N, C-alpha and C. Protein backbone atom coordinates (compact mmCIF):
# COMPACT_ATOMS: atom_id res chain seq x y z
N MET A 1 -7.43 9.67 -12.46
CA MET A 1 -8.48 8.68 -12.39
C MET A 1 -9.15 8.54 -13.75
N THR A 2 -9.87 7.46 -13.93
CA THR A 2 -10.60 7.21 -15.16
C THR A 2 -11.56 8.36 -15.43
N GLY A 3 -11.62 8.82 -16.65
CA GLY A 3 -12.53 9.88 -17.03
C GLY A 3 -12.06 11.26 -16.63
N GLY A 4 -10.82 11.37 -16.13
CA GLY A 4 -10.27 12.67 -15.76
C GLY A 4 -10.66 13.15 -14.37
N ASP A 5 -11.36 12.32 -13.60
CA ASP A 5 -11.72 12.71 -12.24
C ASP A 5 -10.48 12.80 -11.36
N THR A 6 -10.59 13.55 -10.27
CA THR A 6 -9.51 13.69 -9.31
C THR A 6 -9.81 12.84 -8.09
N ASP A 7 -8.80 12.12 -7.62
CA ASP A 7 -8.93 11.31 -6.42
C ASP A 7 -8.08 11.94 -5.33
N ARG A 8 -8.58 11.90 -4.12
CA ARG A 8 -7.81 12.38 -2.97
C ARG A 8 -7.63 11.21 -2.02
N SER A 9 -6.42 11.10 -1.48
CA SER A 9 -6.15 9.99 -0.57
C SER A 9 -5.24 10.46 0.56
N ILE A 10 -5.26 9.69 1.64
CA ILE A 10 -4.38 9.97 2.76
C ILE A 10 -3.87 8.64 3.32
N MET A 11 -2.56 8.60 3.55
CA MET A 11 -1.92 7.44 4.14
C MET A 11 -1.29 7.89 5.45
N THR A 12 -1.54 7.15 6.51
CA THR A 12 -0.88 7.42 7.78
C THR A 12 0.06 6.25 8.06
N LEU A 13 1.25 6.56 8.57
CA LEU A 13 2.22 5.52 8.92
C LEU A 13 2.93 5.90 10.20
N GLY A 14 3.21 4.91 11.00
CA GLY A 14 3.97 5.10 12.22
C GLY A 14 4.58 3.78 12.64
N PHE A 15 5.37 3.84 13.70
CA PHE A 15 6.01 2.62 14.22
C PHE A 15 5.47 2.37 15.61
N ASP A 16 4.99 1.14 15.85
CA ASP A 16 4.48 0.74 17.15
C ASP A 16 5.59 -0.01 17.88
N PRO A 17 6.23 0.62 18.88
CA PRO A 17 7.35 -0.04 19.56
C PRO A 17 6.92 -1.29 20.33
N ALA A 18 5.69 -1.36 20.79
CA ALA A 18 5.22 -2.55 21.51
C ALA A 18 5.13 -3.75 20.57
N LYS A 19 4.68 -3.51 19.33
CA LYS A 19 4.56 -4.58 18.34
C LYS A 19 5.83 -4.79 17.52
N GLN A 20 6.72 -3.77 17.57
CA GLN A 20 7.91 -3.77 16.71
C GLN A 20 7.52 -3.91 15.24
N ARG A 21 6.43 -3.19 14.88
CA ARG A 21 5.91 -3.23 13.51
C ARG A 21 5.50 -1.82 13.09
N PHE A 22 5.49 -1.60 11.79
CA PHE A 22 4.95 -0.36 11.25
C PHE A 22 3.44 -0.54 11.14
N VAL A 23 2.69 0.49 11.49
CA VAL A 23 1.23 0.44 11.44
C VAL A 23 0.73 1.69 10.73
N GLY A 24 -0.49 1.62 10.21
CA GLY A 24 -1.04 2.78 9.54
C GLY A 24 -2.37 2.48 8.89
N THR A 25 -2.82 3.46 8.11
CA THR A 25 -4.10 3.35 7.41
C THR A 25 -3.99 4.01 6.03
N PHE A 26 -4.95 3.67 5.17
CA PHE A 26 -5.06 4.31 3.86
C PHE A 26 -6.54 4.49 3.57
N LEU A 27 -6.90 5.66 3.07
CA LEU A 27 -8.27 5.98 2.70
C LEU A 27 -8.23 6.87 1.47
N ALA A 28 -9.14 6.62 0.52
CA ALA A 28 -9.19 7.41 -0.70
C ALA A 28 -10.64 7.77 -1.03
N SER A 29 -10.80 8.90 -1.72
CA SER A 29 -12.13 9.38 -2.06
C SER A 29 -12.84 8.48 -3.08
N CYS A 30 -12.09 7.63 -3.77
CA CYS A 30 -12.70 6.76 -4.79
C CYS A 30 -13.20 5.44 -4.22
N MET A 31 -13.11 5.28 -2.86
CA MET A 31 -13.56 4.03 -2.25
C MET A 31 -14.14 4.29 -0.87
N THR A 32 -14.80 3.29 -0.31
CA THR A 32 -15.42 3.46 1.01
C THR A 32 -14.75 2.61 2.07
N TYR A 33 -13.61 2.00 1.76
CA TYR A 33 -12.96 1.07 2.68
C TYR A 33 -11.76 1.73 3.35
N LEU A 34 -11.61 1.52 4.65
CA LEU A 34 -10.43 1.98 5.40
C LEU A 34 -9.45 0.82 5.49
N TRP A 35 -8.32 0.96 4.83
CA TRP A 35 -7.29 -0.07 4.82
C TRP A 35 -6.41 0.11 6.07
N VAL A 36 -6.14 -0.98 6.78
CA VAL A 36 -5.32 -0.94 7.99
C VAL A 36 -4.03 -1.71 7.72
N TYR A 37 -2.90 -1.04 7.94
CA TYR A 37 -1.59 -1.61 7.65
C TYR A 37 -0.92 -2.22 8.87
N ASN A 38 -0.11 -3.26 8.60
CA ASN A 38 0.78 -3.87 9.58
C ASN A 38 2.00 -4.29 8.78
N GLY A 39 3.15 -3.66 9.01
CA GLY A 39 4.26 -3.93 8.11
C GLY A 39 5.62 -3.97 8.76
N SER A 40 6.61 -4.22 7.89
CA SER A 40 7.99 -4.32 8.35
C SER A 40 8.94 -3.72 7.31
N LEU A 41 10.09 -3.31 7.82
CA LEU A 41 11.15 -2.73 7.00
C LEU A 41 12.22 -3.79 6.79
N ASP A 42 12.70 -3.92 5.56
CA ASP A 42 13.74 -4.92 5.31
C ASP A 42 15.06 -4.46 5.94
N PRO A 43 16.04 -5.37 6.07
CA PRO A 43 17.30 -5.02 6.74
C PRO A 43 18.06 -3.85 6.11
N SER A 44 17.88 -3.61 4.81
CA SER A 44 18.57 -2.48 4.16
C SER A 44 17.96 -1.13 4.54
N GLY A 45 16.72 -1.17 5.04
CA GLY A 45 16.02 0.07 5.38
C GLY A 45 15.42 0.78 4.18
N ASN A 46 15.40 0.12 3.03
CA ASN A 46 14.91 0.74 1.80
C ASN A 46 13.59 0.20 1.30
N LEU A 47 13.08 -0.86 1.92
CA LEU A 47 11.86 -1.50 1.44
C LEU A 47 10.90 -1.72 2.61
N LEU A 48 9.78 -0.99 2.60
CA LEU A 48 8.76 -1.09 3.63
C LEU A 48 7.58 -1.85 3.05
N THR A 49 7.28 -3.03 3.58
CA THR A 49 6.17 -3.85 3.10
C THR A 49 5.04 -3.76 4.10
N LEU A 50 3.89 -3.28 3.62
CA LEU A 50 2.71 -3.07 4.45
C LEU A 50 1.64 -4.08 4.07
N ASP A 51 1.36 -5.01 4.98
CA ASP A 51 0.33 -6.02 4.75
C ASP A 51 -1.03 -5.46 5.16
N THR A 52 -2.06 -5.82 4.39
CA THR A 52 -3.41 -5.38 4.69
C THR A 52 -4.41 -6.36 4.08
N GLU A 53 -5.67 -6.15 4.37
CA GLU A 53 -6.74 -6.97 3.83
C GLU A 53 -7.86 -6.03 3.40
N GLY A 54 -8.50 -6.36 2.28
CA GLY A 54 -9.57 -5.50 1.80
C GLY A 54 -10.44 -6.22 0.79
N PRO A 55 -11.40 -5.50 0.23
CA PRO A 55 -12.34 -6.10 -0.73
C PRO A 55 -11.60 -6.70 -1.93
N SER A 56 -11.98 -7.92 -2.28
CA SER A 56 -11.33 -8.58 -3.42
C SER A 56 -11.82 -7.96 -4.73
N PHE A 57 -11.03 -8.14 -5.76
CA PHE A 57 -11.40 -7.64 -7.08
C PHE A 57 -12.59 -8.39 -7.66
N SER A 58 -12.94 -9.53 -7.07
CA SER A 58 -14.05 -10.32 -7.61
C SER A 58 -15.39 -9.60 -7.45
N GLY A 59 -15.48 -8.67 -6.47
CA GLY A 59 -16.71 -7.94 -6.26
C GLY A 59 -17.80 -8.74 -5.58
N ASP A 60 -17.45 -9.90 -5.01
CA ASP A 60 -18.46 -10.75 -4.38
C ASP A 60 -18.57 -10.54 -2.87
N GLY A 61 -17.91 -9.49 -2.36
CA GLY A 61 -17.99 -9.19 -0.94
C GLY A 61 -16.94 -9.88 -0.08
N THR A 62 -16.11 -10.72 -0.69
CA THR A 62 -15.05 -11.38 0.07
C THR A 62 -13.85 -10.46 0.24
N LEU A 63 -13.01 -10.80 1.21
CA LEU A 63 -11.78 -10.04 1.45
C LEU A 63 -10.60 -10.78 0.86
N ALA A 64 -9.58 -10.03 0.49
CA ALA A 64 -8.35 -10.59 -0.07
C ALA A 64 -7.16 -9.97 0.64
N LYS A 65 -6.01 -10.63 0.53
CA LYS A 65 -4.77 -10.10 1.10
C LYS A 65 -4.10 -9.20 0.08
N TYR A 66 -3.60 -8.05 0.57
CA TYR A 66 -2.91 -7.08 -0.26
C TYR A 66 -1.61 -6.67 0.42
N GLN A 67 -0.71 -6.09 -0.37
CA GLN A 67 0.49 -5.45 0.16
C GLN A 67 0.70 -4.14 -0.59
N ASP A 68 1.02 -3.11 0.17
CA ASP A 68 1.55 -1.88 -0.40
C ASP A 68 3.02 -1.88 -0.03
N ILE A 69 3.88 -1.66 -1.02
CA ILE A 69 5.32 -1.73 -0.82
C ILE A 69 5.92 -0.39 -1.21
N ILE A 70 6.57 0.24 -0.24
CA ILE A 70 7.25 1.52 -0.48
C ILE A 70 8.74 1.23 -0.58
N GLU A 71 9.34 1.63 -1.70
CA GLU A 71 10.77 1.45 -1.89
C GLU A 71 11.44 2.81 -1.98
N PHE A 72 12.42 3.02 -1.14
CA PHE A 72 13.17 4.27 -1.11
C PHE A 72 14.37 4.11 -2.03
N LEU A 73 14.32 4.81 -3.17
CA LEU A 73 15.35 4.67 -4.20
C LEU A 73 16.42 5.74 -4.09
N GLY A 74 16.23 6.72 -3.27
CA GLY A 74 17.17 7.82 -3.06
C GLY A 74 16.49 8.89 -2.24
N GLU A 75 17.21 9.93 -1.92
CA GLU A 75 16.62 11.00 -1.09
C GLU A 75 15.45 11.69 -1.78
N ASP A 76 15.43 11.68 -3.10
CA ASP A 76 14.41 12.41 -3.85
C ASP A 76 13.47 11.52 -4.65
N HIS A 77 13.52 10.20 -4.43
CA HIS A 77 12.72 9.30 -5.26
C HIS A 77 12.28 8.08 -4.44
N ARG A 78 10.99 7.78 -4.49
CA ARG A 78 10.46 6.56 -3.89
C ARG A 78 9.33 6.04 -4.76
N THR A 79 9.03 4.76 -4.61
CA THR A 79 7.90 4.17 -5.34
C THR A 79 6.92 3.57 -4.34
N LEU A 80 5.69 3.47 -4.77
CA LEU A 80 4.64 2.76 -4.03
C LEU A 80 4.04 1.76 -5.00
N SER A 81 4.16 0.48 -4.68
CA SER A 81 3.58 -0.59 -5.50
C SER A 81 2.52 -1.31 -4.70
N SER A 82 1.46 -1.73 -5.37
CA SER A 82 0.38 -2.47 -4.72
C SER A 82 0.22 -3.81 -5.40
N GLN A 83 -0.03 -4.84 -4.60
CA GLN A 83 -0.24 -6.18 -5.15
C GLN A 83 -1.24 -6.94 -4.29
N PHE A 84 -1.86 -7.96 -4.88
CA PHE A 84 -2.80 -8.80 -4.15
C PHE A 84 -2.36 -10.26 -4.29
N LEU A 85 -2.77 -11.07 -3.31
CA LEU A 85 -2.45 -12.49 -3.33
C LEU A 85 -3.55 -13.22 -4.09
N GLY A 86 -3.19 -13.78 -5.23
CA GLY A 86 -4.16 -14.49 -6.06
C GLY A 86 -4.57 -15.82 -5.45
N THR A 87 -5.62 -16.40 -5.98
CA THR A 87 -6.11 -17.69 -5.48
C THR A 87 -5.08 -18.80 -5.71
N ASP A 88 -4.11 -18.55 -6.62
CA ASP A 88 -3.05 -19.52 -6.88
C ASP A 88 -1.88 -19.36 -5.92
N GLY A 89 -1.99 -18.39 -4.97
CA GLY A 89 -0.92 -18.17 -4.00
C GLY A 89 0.22 -17.31 -4.50
N VAL A 90 0.05 -16.69 -5.66
CA VAL A 90 1.09 -15.84 -6.25
C VAL A 90 0.67 -14.38 -6.13
N TRP A 91 1.62 -13.52 -5.70
CA TRP A 91 1.35 -12.08 -5.62
C TRP A 91 1.29 -11.49 -7.01
N GLN A 92 0.24 -10.69 -7.27
CA GLN A 92 0.03 -10.04 -8.56
C GLN A 92 0.09 -8.53 -8.39
N ARG A 93 1.10 -7.90 -8.96
CA ARG A 93 1.23 -6.44 -8.88
C ARG A 93 0.24 -5.80 -9.84
N PHE A 94 -0.47 -4.75 -9.35
CA PHE A 94 -1.44 -4.08 -10.21
C PHE A 94 -1.23 -2.58 -10.29
N MET A 95 -0.26 -2.06 -9.54
CA MET A 95 -0.03 -0.61 -9.60
C MET A 95 1.36 -0.29 -9.09
N THR A 96 2.02 0.66 -9.74
CA THR A 96 3.26 1.25 -9.24
C THR A 96 3.22 2.74 -9.53
N ALA A 97 3.50 3.53 -8.50
CA ALA A 97 3.56 4.99 -8.64
C ALA A 97 4.94 5.46 -8.23
N HIS A 98 5.46 6.45 -8.95
CA HIS A 98 6.76 7.05 -8.63
C HIS A 98 6.52 8.41 -8.00
N TYR A 99 7.24 8.67 -6.92
CA TYR A 99 7.18 9.97 -6.24
C TYR A 99 8.56 10.57 -6.25
N ARG A 100 8.63 11.82 -6.72
CA ARG A 100 9.91 12.53 -6.77
C ARG A 100 9.75 13.87 -6.08
N ARG A 101 10.81 14.24 -5.34
CA ARG A 101 10.81 15.53 -4.66
C ARG A 101 10.87 16.65 -5.71
N LYS A 102 10.00 17.61 -5.57
CA LYS A 102 9.99 18.76 -6.49
C LYS A 102 11.06 19.74 -6.01
N VAL A 103 11.92 20.08 -6.91
CA VAL A 103 13.04 20.97 -6.56
C VAL A 103 12.67 22.42 -6.84
């Protein structure tokens, strides 16, 4: 985090058979908002797109559409990318994190 602070976060994910959708939440110590996910897996089974809504970057109290996208690149490597839907209707990526299994 900025200034060397430590952030703690937790993501929950599951599959709702009634909705045939992936559902979950995200919460982090650096924010006060509980993000609620509703997502789908692409046909390859390697790309999980989680749609959500949360506070816009404008800081004016409005909500914006976001996506967290988990891509499974192999048994030991996955990425998490976050993007928001801009006022122009174009998705803008603002973060990508790589996760690797520690051997």
